[in-house]
Full PDB file with SEQRES, HELIX, SHEET, SSBOND, CRYST1, ORIGX, SCALE, CONECT and MASTER records, all heavy atoms in Angstrom:
SEQRES   1 A   34  PHE ASP PRO GLN LEU ALA GLY LEU GLY GLN HIS THR VAL          
SEQRES   2 A   34  SER TYR THR VAL LYS GLY SER VAL GLU CYS MET ASN GLY          
SEQRES   3 A   34  GLU SER SER GLN ASP VAL ILE VAL                              
HELIX    1 AA1 PRO A    3  ALA A    6  1                                   4    
HELIX    2 AA2 GLU A   22  MET A   24  5                                   3    
SHEET    1 AA1 2 GLN A  10  VAL A  17  0                                        
SHEET    2 AA1 2 GLY A  26  ILE A  33 -1                                        
CRYST1    1.000    1.000    1.000  90.00  90.00  90.00 P 1           1          
ORIGX1      1.000000  0.000000  0.000000        0.00000                         
ORIGX2      0.000000  1.000000  0.000000        0.00000                         
ORIGX3      0.000000  0.000000  1.000000        0.00000                         
SCALE1      1.000000  0.000000  0.000000        0.00000                         
SCALE2      0.000000  1.000000  0.000000        0.00000                         
SCALE3      0.000000  0.000000  1.000000        0.00000                         
ATOM      1  N   PHE A   1     -67.590  40.981 212.672  1.00  0.00           N  
ATOM      2  CA  PHE A   1     -66.780  41.888 213.451  1.00  0.00           C  
ATOM      3  C   PHE A   1     -67.203  41.789 214.885  1.00  0.00           C  
ATOM      4  O   PHE A   1     -68.336  42.183 215.269  1.00  0.00           O  
ATOM      5  CB  PHE A   1     -66.816  43.368 213.011  1.00  0.00           C  
ATOM      6  CG  PHE A   1     -66.022  44.280 213.696  1.00  0.00           C  
ATOM      7  CD1 PHE A   1     -64.627  44.442 213.568  1.00  0.00           C  
ATOM      8  CD2 PHE A   1     -66.576  45.058 214.725  1.00  0.00           C  
ATOM      9  CE1 PHE A   1     -63.848  45.320 214.324  1.00  0.00           C  
ATOM     10  CE2 PHE A   1     -65.855  46.040 215.437  1.00  0.00           C  
ATOM     11  CZ  PHE A   1     -64.441  46.085 215.230  1.00  0.00           C  
ATOM     12  N   ASP A   2     -66.159  41.497 215.817  1.00  0.00           N  
ATOM     13  CA  ASP A   2     -66.495  41.322 217.182  1.00  0.00           C  
ATOM     14  C   ASP A   2     -65.765  42.425 218.006  1.00  0.00           C  
ATOM     15  O   ASP A   2     -64.480  42.394 218.047  1.00  0.00           O  
ATOM     16  CB  ASP A   2     -66.111  39.887 217.682  1.00  0.00           C  
ATOM     17  CG  ASP A   2     -66.617  39.659 219.180  1.00  0.00           C  
ATOM     18  OD1 ASP A   2     -66.835  40.588 219.832  1.00  0.00           O  
ATOM     19  OD2 ASP A   2     -66.660  38.480 219.559  1.00  0.00           O  
ATOM     20  N   PRO A   3     -66.540  43.442 218.532  1.00  0.00           N  
ATOM     21  CA  PRO A   3     -65.783  44.523 219.253  1.00  0.00           C  
ATOM     22  C   PRO A   3     -64.951  44.097 220.412  1.00  0.00           C  
ATOM     23  O   PRO A   3     -64.022  44.667 220.819  1.00  0.00           O  
ATOM     24  CB  PRO A   3     -66.932  45.501 219.588  1.00  0.00           C  
ATOM     25  CG  PRO A   3     -68.102  44.703 219.625  1.00  0.00           C  
ATOM     26  CD  PRO A   3     -67.945  43.574 218.528  1.00  0.00           C  
ATOM     27  N   GLN A   4     -65.429  42.951 221.026  1.00  0.00           N  
ATOM     28  CA  GLN A   4     -64.665  42.405 222.158  1.00  0.00           C  
ATOM     29  C   GLN A   4     -63.243  41.994 221.805  1.00  0.00           C  
ATOM     30  O   GLN A   4     -62.269  42.256 222.372  1.00  0.00           O  
ATOM     31  CB  GLN A   4     -65.388  41.284 222.972  1.00  0.00           C  
ATOM     32  CG  GLN A   4     -64.797  40.901 224.197  1.00  0.00           C  
ATOM     33  CD  GLN A   4     -65.615  39.777 224.925  1.00  0.00           C  
ATOM     34  OE1 GLN A   4     -66.685  39.370 224.352  1.00  0.00           O  
ATOM     35  NE2 GLN A   4     -65.160  39.533 226.069  1.00  0.00           N  
ATOM     36  N   LEU A   5     -63.123  41.229 220.510  1.00  0.00           N  
ATOM     37  CA  LEU A   5     -61.841  40.832 220.073  1.00  0.00           C  
ATOM     38  C   LEU A   5     -61.096  41.976 219.551  1.00  0.00           C  
ATOM     39  O   LEU A   5     -59.797  42.031 219.608  1.00  0.00           O  
ATOM     40  CB  LEU A   5     -62.183  39.896 218.950  1.00  0.00           C  
ATOM     41  CG  LEU A   5     -62.857  38.523 219.275  1.00  0.00           C  
ATOM     42  CD1 LEU A   5     -62.955  37.679 218.021  1.00  0.00           C  
ATOM     43  CD2 LEU A   5     -61.846  37.795 220.225  1.00  0.00           C  
ATOM     44  N   ALA A   6     -61.754  43.032 219.063  1.00  0.00           N  
ATOM     45  CA  ALA A   6     -60.956  44.180 218.509  1.00  0.00           C  
ATOM     46  C   ALA A   6     -60.391  45.035 219.537  1.00  0.00           C  
ATOM     47  O   ALA A   6     -59.360  45.554 219.586  1.00  0.00           O  
ATOM     48  CB  ALA A   6     -61.936  44.934 217.511  1.00  0.00           C  
ATOM     49  N   GLY A   7     -61.270  45.229 220.627  1.00  0.00           N  
ATOM     50  CA  GLY A   7     -60.861  46.227 221.792  1.00  0.00           C  
ATOM     51  C   GLY A   7     -61.146  47.588 221.428  1.00  0.00           C  
ATOM     52  O   GLY A   7     -61.656  47.968 220.279  1.00  0.00           O  
ATOM     53  N   LEU A   8     -60.903  48.502 222.348  1.00  0.00           N  
ATOM     54  CA  LEU A   8     -61.278  49.960 222.256  1.00  0.00           C  
ATOM     55  C   LEU A   8     -60.334  50.577 221.318  1.00  0.00           C  
ATOM     56  O   LEU A   8     -59.196  50.157 221.116  1.00  0.00           O  
ATOM     57  CB  LEU A   8     -61.150  50.653 223.620  1.00  0.00           C  
ATOM     58  CG  LEU A   8     -62.144  50.190 224.733  1.00  0.00           C  
ATOM     59  CD1 LEU A   8     -61.790  50.919 225.946  1.00  0.00           C  
ATOM     60  CD2 LEU A   8     -63.512  50.438 224.318  1.00  0.00           C  
ATOM     61  N   GLY A   9     -60.871  51.536 220.514  1.00  0.00           N  
ATOM     62  CA  GLY A   9     -59.995  52.244 219.573  1.00  0.00           C  
ATOM     63  C   GLY A   9     -60.541  52.195 218.169  1.00  0.00           C  
ATOM     64  O   GLY A   9     -61.680  51.836 217.835  1.00  0.00           O  
ATOM     65  N   GLN A  10     -59.757  52.596 217.216  1.00  0.00           N  
ATOM     66  CA  GLN A  10     -60.043  52.564 215.721  1.00  0.00           C  
ATOM     67  C   GLN A  10     -59.474  51.484 214.948  1.00  0.00           C  
ATOM     68  O   GLN A  10     -58.282  51.311 215.138  1.00  0.00           O  
ATOM     69  CB  GLN A  10     -59.689  53.992 215.049  1.00  0.00           C  
ATOM     70  CG  GLN A  10     -60.066  54.149 213.624  1.00  0.00           C  
ATOM     71  CD  GLN A  10     -59.798  55.557 213.064  1.00  0.00           C  
ATOM     72  OE1 GLN A  10     -60.370  56.530 213.642  1.00  0.00           O  
ATOM     73  NE2 GLN A  10     -58.910  55.590 212.114  1.00  0.00           N  
ATOM     74  N   HIS A  11     -60.240  50.785 214.275  1.00  0.00           N  
ATOM     75  CA  HIS A  11     -59.750  49.568 213.552  1.00  0.00           C  
ATOM     76  C   HIS A  11     -60.179  49.664 212.013  1.00  0.00           C  
ATOM     77  O   HIS A  11     -61.172  50.265 211.731  1.00  0.00           O  
ATOM     78  CB  HIS A  11     -60.296  48.280 214.165  1.00  0.00           C  
ATOM     79  CG  HIS A  11     -60.232  48.266 215.575  1.00  0.00           C  
ATOM     80  ND1 HIS A  11     -58.987  47.932 216.315  1.00  0.00           N  
ATOM     81  CD2 HIS A  11     -61.160  48.541 216.651  1.00  0.00           C  
ATOM     82  CE1 HIS A  11     -59.145  48.048 217.736  1.00  0.00           C  
ATOM     83  NE2 HIS A  11     -60.473  48.403 217.816  1.00  0.00           N  
ATOM     84  N   THR A  12     -59.386  49.022 211.144  1.00  0.00           N  
ATOM     85  CA  THR A  12     -59.630  49.055 209.858  1.00  0.00           C  
ATOM     86  C   THR A  12     -60.032  47.634 209.318  1.00  0.00           C  
ATOM     87  O   THR A  12     -59.351  46.678 209.721  1.00  0.00           O  
ATOM     88  CB  THR A  12     -58.334  49.453 208.930  1.00  0.00           C  
ATOM     89  OG1 THR A  12     -57.979  50.777 209.266  1.00  0.00           O  
ATOM     90  CG2 THR A  12     -58.666  49.316 207.428  1.00  0.00           C  
ATOM     91  N   VAL A  13     -61.220  47.578 208.743  1.00  0.00           N  
ATOM     92  CA  VAL A  13     -61.839  46.398 208.238  1.00  0.00           C  
ATOM     93  C   VAL A  13     -61.804  46.448 206.649  1.00  0.00           C  
ATOM     94  O   VAL A  13     -62.182  47.492 206.092  1.00  0.00           O  
ATOM     95  CB  VAL A  13     -63.337  46.167 208.735  1.00  0.00           C  
ATOM     96  CG1 VAL A  13     -63.895  44.976 208.106  1.00  0.00           C  
ATOM     97  CG2 VAL A  13     -63.326  45.992 210.282  1.00  0.00           C  
ATOM     98  N   SER A  14     -61.333  45.325 205.963  1.00  0.00           N  
ATOM     99  CA  SER A  14     -61.207  45.296 204.611  1.00  0.00           C  
ATOM    100  C   SER A  14     -62.109  44.155 203.968  1.00  0.00           C  
ATOM    101  O   SER A  14     -62.304  43.141 204.602  1.00  0.00           O  
ATOM    102  CB  SER A  14     -59.811  45.115 204.147  1.00  0.00           C  
ATOM    103  OG  SER A  14     -59.019  46.305 204.554  1.00  0.00           O  
ATOM    104  N   TYR A  15     -62.586  44.383 202.766  1.00  0.00           N  
ATOM    105  CA  TYR A  15     -63.256  43.372 201.958  1.00  0.00           C  
ATOM    106  C   TYR A  15     -62.505  43.179 200.630  1.00  0.00           C  
ATOM    107  O   TYR A  15     -62.369  44.190 199.932  1.00  0.00           O  
ATOM    108  CB  TYR A  15     -64.786  43.798 201.833  1.00  0.00           C  
ATOM    109  CG  TYR A  15     -65.455  42.809 200.923  1.00  0.00           C  
ATOM    110  CD1 TYR A  15     -65.727  41.484 201.488  1.00  0.00           C  
ATOM    111  CD2 TYR A  15     -66.052  43.124 199.663  1.00  0.00           C  
ATOM    112  CE1 TYR A  15     -66.485  40.567 200.728  1.00  0.00           C  
ATOM    113  CE2 TYR A  15     -66.782  42.173 198.991  1.00  0.00           C  
ATOM    114  CZ  TYR A  15     -66.933  40.939 199.564  1.00  0.00           C  
ATOM    115  OH  TYR A  15     -67.645  40.066 198.733  1.00  0.00           O  
ATOM    116  N   THR A  16     -62.123  41.997 200.460  1.00  0.00           N  
ATOM    117  CA  THR A  16     -61.259  41.661 199.203  1.00  0.00           C  
ATOM    118  C   THR A  16     -62.004  40.648 198.336  1.00  0.00           C  
ATOM    119  O   THR A  16     -62.528  39.619 198.773  1.00  0.00           O  
ATOM    120  CB  THR A  16     -59.896  41.196 199.556  1.00  0.00           C  
ATOM    121  OG1 THR A  16     -59.276  42.094 200.446  1.00  0.00           O  
ATOM    122  CG2 THR A  16     -59.075  41.038 198.304  1.00  0.00           C  
ATOM    123  N   VAL A  17     -62.183  41.040 196.964  1.00  0.00           N  
ATOM    124  CA  VAL A  17     -62.770  40.049 195.995  1.00  0.00           C  
ATOM    125  C   VAL A  17     -61.654  39.629 195.031  1.00  0.00           C  
ATOM    126  O   VAL A  17     -61.019  40.535 194.582  1.00  0.00           O  
ATOM    127  CB  VAL A  17     -63.818  40.682 195.305  1.00  0.00           C  
ATOM    128  CG1 VAL A  17     -64.404  39.824 194.221  1.00  0.00           C  
ATOM    129  CG2 VAL A  17     -64.940  41.130 196.303  1.00  0.00           C  
ATOM    130  N   LYS A  18     -61.599  38.283 194.777  1.00  0.00           N  
ATOM    131  CA  LYS A  18     -60.611  37.825 193.748  1.00  0.00           C  
ATOM    132  C   LYS A  18     -61.426  37.045 192.764  1.00  0.00           C  
ATOM    133  O   LYS A  18     -62.152  36.012 193.084  1.00  0.00           O  
ATOM    134  CB  LYS A  18     -59.481  36.987 194.443  1.00  0.00           C  
ATOM    135  CG  LYS A  18     -58.673  37.775 195.308  1.00  0.00           C  
ATOM    136  CD  LYS A  18     -57.555  37.012 195.788  1.00  0.00           C  
ATOM    137  CE  LYS A  18     -56.562  37.813 196.657  1.00  0.00           C  
ATOM    138  NZ  LYS A  18     -55.469  36.944 197.219  1.00  0.00           N  
ATOM    139  N   GLY A  19     -61.378  37.333 191.518  1.00  0.00           N  
ATOM    140  CA  GLY A  19     -62.100  36.700 190.454  1.00  0.00           C  
ATOM    141  C   GLY A  19     -61.143  35.900 189.490  1.00  0.00           C  
ATOM    142  O   GLY A  19     -60.002  35.933 189.669  1.00  0.00           O  
ATOM    143  N   SER A  20     -61.887  35.364 188.538  1.00  0.00           N  
ATOM    144  CA  SER A  20     -61.265  34.471 187.507  1.00  0.00           C  
ATOM    145  C   SER A  20     -60.427  35.296 186.469  1.00  0.00           C  
ATOM    146  O   SER A  20     -59.449  34.882 185.919  1.00  0.00           O  
ATOM    147  CB  SER A  20     -62.170  33.605 186.775  1.00  0.00           C  
ATOM    148  OG  SER A  20     -63.077  34.360 186.057  1.00  0.00           O  
ATOM    149  N   VAL A  21     -60.796  36.659 186.402  1.00  0.00           N  
ATOM    150  CA  VAL A  21     -59.992  37.472 185.472  1.00  0.00           C  
ATOM    151  C   VAL A  21     -59.610  38.718 186.283  1.00  0.00           C  
ATOM    152  O   VAL A  21     -60.314  39.020 187.326  1.00  0.00           O  
ATOM    153  CB  VAL A  21     -60.874  37.958 184.268  1.00  0.00           C  
ATOM    154  CG1 VAL A  21     -61.009  36.695 183.262  1.00  0.00           C  
ATOM    155  CG2 VAL A  21     -62.194  38.540 184.635  1.00  0.00           C  
ATOM    156  N   GLU A  22     -58.612  39.478 185.808  1.00  0.00           N  
ATOM    157  CA  GLU A  22     -58.039  40.607 186.668  1.00  0.00           C  
ATOM    158  C   GLU A  22     -59.043  41.661 186.883  1.00  0.00           C  
ATOM    159  O   GLU A  22     -59.097  42.151 188.001  1.00  0.00           O  
ATOM    160  CB  GLU A  22     -56.888  41.148 185.815  1.00  0.00           C  
ATOM    161  CG  GLU A  22     -56.241  42.429 186.480  1.00  0.00           C  
ATOM    162  CD  GLU A  22     -55.787  42.161 187.898  1.00  0.00           C  
ATOM    163  OE1 GLU A  22     -55.319  40.910 188.159  1.00  0.00           O  
ATOM    164  OE2 GLU A  22     -55.764  43.056 188.745  1.00  0.00           O  
ATOM    165  N   CYS A  23     -60.011  41.915 186.010  1.00  0.00           N  
ATOM    166  CA  CYS A  23     -60.848  43.052 186.233  1.00  0.00           C  
ATOM    167  C   CYS A  23     -61.915  42.729 187.248  1.00  0.00           C  
ATOM    168  O   CYS A  23     -62.705  43.538 187.712  1.00  0.00           O  
ATOM    169  CB  CYS A  23     -61.572  43.412 185.005  1.00  0.00           C  
ATOM    170  SG  CYS A  23     -63.145  42.599 184.703  1.00  0.00           S  
ATOM    171  N   MET A  24     -62.028  41.434 187.712  1.00  0.00           N  
ATOM    172  CA  MET A  24     -63.002  41.104 188.830  1.00  0.00           C  
ATOM    173  C   MET A  24     -62.387  41.101 190.232  1.00  0.00           C  
ATOM    174  O   MET A  24     -62.931  40.628 191.168  1.00  0.00           O  
ATOM    175  CB  MET A  24     -63.562  39.700 188.594  1.00  0.00           C  
ATOM    176  CG  MET A  24     -64.284  39.578 187.212  1.00  0.00           C  
ATOM    177  SD  MET A  24     -65.079  38.017 186.916  1.00  0.00           S  
ATOM    178  CE  MET A  24     -66.318  37.944 188.232  1.00  0.00           C  
ATOM    179  N   ASN A  25     -61.075  41.596 190.248  1.00  0.00           N  
ATOM    180  CA  ASN A  25     -60.453  41.724 191.506  1.00  0.00           C  
ATOM    181  C   ASN A  25     -60.643  43.180 192.118  1.00  0.00           C  
ATOM    182  O   ASN A  25     -60.724  44.057 191.440  1.00  0.00           O  
ATOM    183  CB  ASN A  25     -58.881  41.454 191.406  1.00  0.00           C  
ATOM    184  CG  ASN A  25     -58.512  40.067 191.095  1.00  0.00           C  
ATOM    185  OD1 ASN A  25     -59.443  39.084 191.178  1.00  0.00           O  
ATOM    186  ND2 ASN A  25     -57.473  39.869 190.422  1.00  0.00           N  
ATOM    187  N   GLY A  26     -60.831  43.234 193.417  1.00  0.00           N  
ATOM    188  CA  GLY A  26     -61.018  44.515 194.133  1.00  0.00           C  
ATOM    189  C   GLY A  26     -61.060  44.462 195.492  1.00  0.00           C  
ATOM    190  O   GLY A  26     -61.092  43.376 196.166  1.00  0.00           O  
ATOM    191  N   GLU A  27     -60.974  45.726 196.209  1.00  0.00           N  
ATOM    192  CA  GLU A  27     -60.849  45.730 197.682  1.00  0.00           C  
ATOM    193  C   GLU A  27     -61.478  46.980 198.120  1.00  0.00           C  
ATOM    194  O   GLU A  27     -61.357  48.087 197.484  1.00  0.00           O  
ATOM    195  CB  GLU A  27     -59.391  45.626 198.204  1.00  0.00           C  
ATOM    196  CG  GLU A  27     -59.299  45.638 199.657  1.00  0.00           C  
ATOM    197  CD  GLU A  27     -57.796  45.429 200.122  1.00  0.00           C  
ATOM    198  OE1 GLU A  27     -57.391  44.315 200.190  1.00  0.00           O  
ATOM    199  OE2 GLU A  27     -57.171  46.474 200.432  1.00  0.00           O  
ATOM    200  N   SER A  28     -62.149  46.833 199.304  1.00  0.00           N  
ATOM    201  CA  SER A  28     -62.797  48.140 199.864  1.00  0.00           C  
ATOM    202  C   SER A  28     -62.579  48.034 201.383  1.00  0.00           C  
ATOM    203  O   SER A  28     -62.422  46.916 202.025  1.00  0.00           O  
ATOM    204  CB  SER A  28     -64.265  48.200 199.592  1.00  0.00           C  
ATOM    205  OG  SER A  28     -64.819  49.312 200.284  1.00  0.00           O  
ATOM    206  N   SER A  29     -62.210  49.257 202.013  1.00  0.00           N  
ATOM    207  CA  SER A  29     -61.831  49.254 203.437  1.00  0.00           C  
ATOM    208  C   SER A  29     -62.769  50.314 204.133  1.00  0.00           C  
ATOM    209  O   SER A  29     -63.244  51.240 203.539  1.00  0.00           O  
ATOM    210  CB  SER A  29     -60.314  49.554 203.657  1.00  0.00           C  
ATOM    211  OG  SER A  29     -59.572  48.650 203.083  1.00  0.00           O  
ATOM    212  N   GLN A  30     -62.787  50.160 205.480  1.00  0.00           N  
ATOM    213  CA  GLN A  30     -63.550  51.082 206.299  1.00  0.00           C  
ATOM    214  C   GLN A  30     -63.015  51.055 207.687  1.00  0.00           C  
ATOM    215  O   GLN A  30     -62.566  50.046 208.151  1.00  0.00           O  
ATOM    216  CB  GLN A  30     -65.037  50.600 206.257  1.00  0.00           C  
ATOM    217  CG  GLN A  30     -66.063  51.653 206.853  1.00  0.00           C  
ATOM    218  CD  GLN A  30     -67.464  51.123 206.801  1.00  0.00           C  
ATOM    219  OE1 GLN A  30     -68.279  51.318 207.582  1.00  0.00           O  
ATOM    220  NE2 GLN A  30     -67.797  50.464 205.589  1.00  0.00           N  
ATOM    221  N   ASP A  31     -62.981  52.289 208.369  1.00  0.00           N  
ATOM    222  CA  ASP A  31     -62.608  52.394 209.720  1.00  0.00           C  
ATOM    223  C   ASP A  31     -63.756  52.210 210.657  1.00  0.00           C  
ATOM    224  O   ASP A  31     -64.807  52.684 210.518  1.00  0.00           O  
ATOM    225  CB  ASP A  31     -61.923  53.758 210.007  1.00  0.00           C  
ATOM    226  CG  ASP A  31     -60.552  53.881 209.321  1.00  0.00           C  
ATOM    227  OD1 ASP A  31     -59.971  52.931 209.070  1.00  0.00           O  
ATOM    228  OD2 ASP A  31     -60.182  55.087 208.980  1.00  0.00           O  
ATOM    229  N   VAL A  32     -63.507  51.438 211.710  1.00  0.00           N  
ATOM    230  CA  VAL A  32     -64.519  51.157 212.755  1.00  0.00           C  
ATOM    231  C   VAL A  32     -63.987  51.660 214.039  1.00  0.00           C  
ATOM    232  O   VAL A  32     -62.947  51.289 214.446  1.00  0.00           O  
ATOM    233  CB  VAL A  32     -64.762  49.686 212.868  1.00  0.00           C  
ATOM    234  CG1 VAL A  32     -65.847  49.371 213.732  1.00  0.00           C  
ATOM    235  CG2 VAL A  32     -65.284  49.142 211.457  1.00  0.00           C  
ATOM    236  N   ILE A  33     -64.831  52.384 214.770  1.00  0.00           N  
ATOM    237  CA  ILE A  33     -64.549  52.913 216.180  1.00  0.00           C  
ATOM    238  C   ILE A  33     -65.293  52.192 217.195  1.00  0.00           C  
ATOM    239  O   ILE A  33     -66.508  52.027 217.110  1.00  0.00           O  
ATOM    240  CB  ILE A  33     -64.808  54.449 216.202  1.00  0.00           C  
ATOM    241  CG1 ILE A  33     -63.997  55.119 215.128  1.00  0.00           C  
ATOM    242  CG2 ILE A  33     -64.515  54.942 217.545  1.00  0.00           C  
ATOM    243  CD1 ILE A  33     -64.248  56.585 215.073  1.00  0.00           C  
ATOM    244  N   VAL A  34     -64.525  51.626 218.203  1.00  0.00           N  
ATOM    245  CA  VAL A  34     -65.098  51.158 219.323  1.00  0.00           C  
ATOM    246  C   VAL A  34     -64.811  52.012 220.521  1.00  0.00           C  
ATOM    247  O   VAL A  34     -63.654  52.189 220.930  1.00  0.00           O  
ATOM    248  CB  VAL A  34     -64.454  49.641 219.673  1.00  0.00           C  
ATOM    249  CG1 VAL A  34     -65.060  49.110 220.900  1.00  0.00           C  
ATOM    250  CG2 VAL A  34     -64.718  48.755 218.405  1.00  0.00           C  
TER     251      VAL A  34                                                      
MASTER        0    0    0    2    2    0    0    6  250    1    0    3          
END                                                                             
């Protein structure tokens, strides 16, 4: 995560996992403040 590319303000960063079976898929998000 590069704050210079993001700029000032609040931004949402997400992490997504995709597996071979449905139960191994998931996502988590977080707000980042510059």
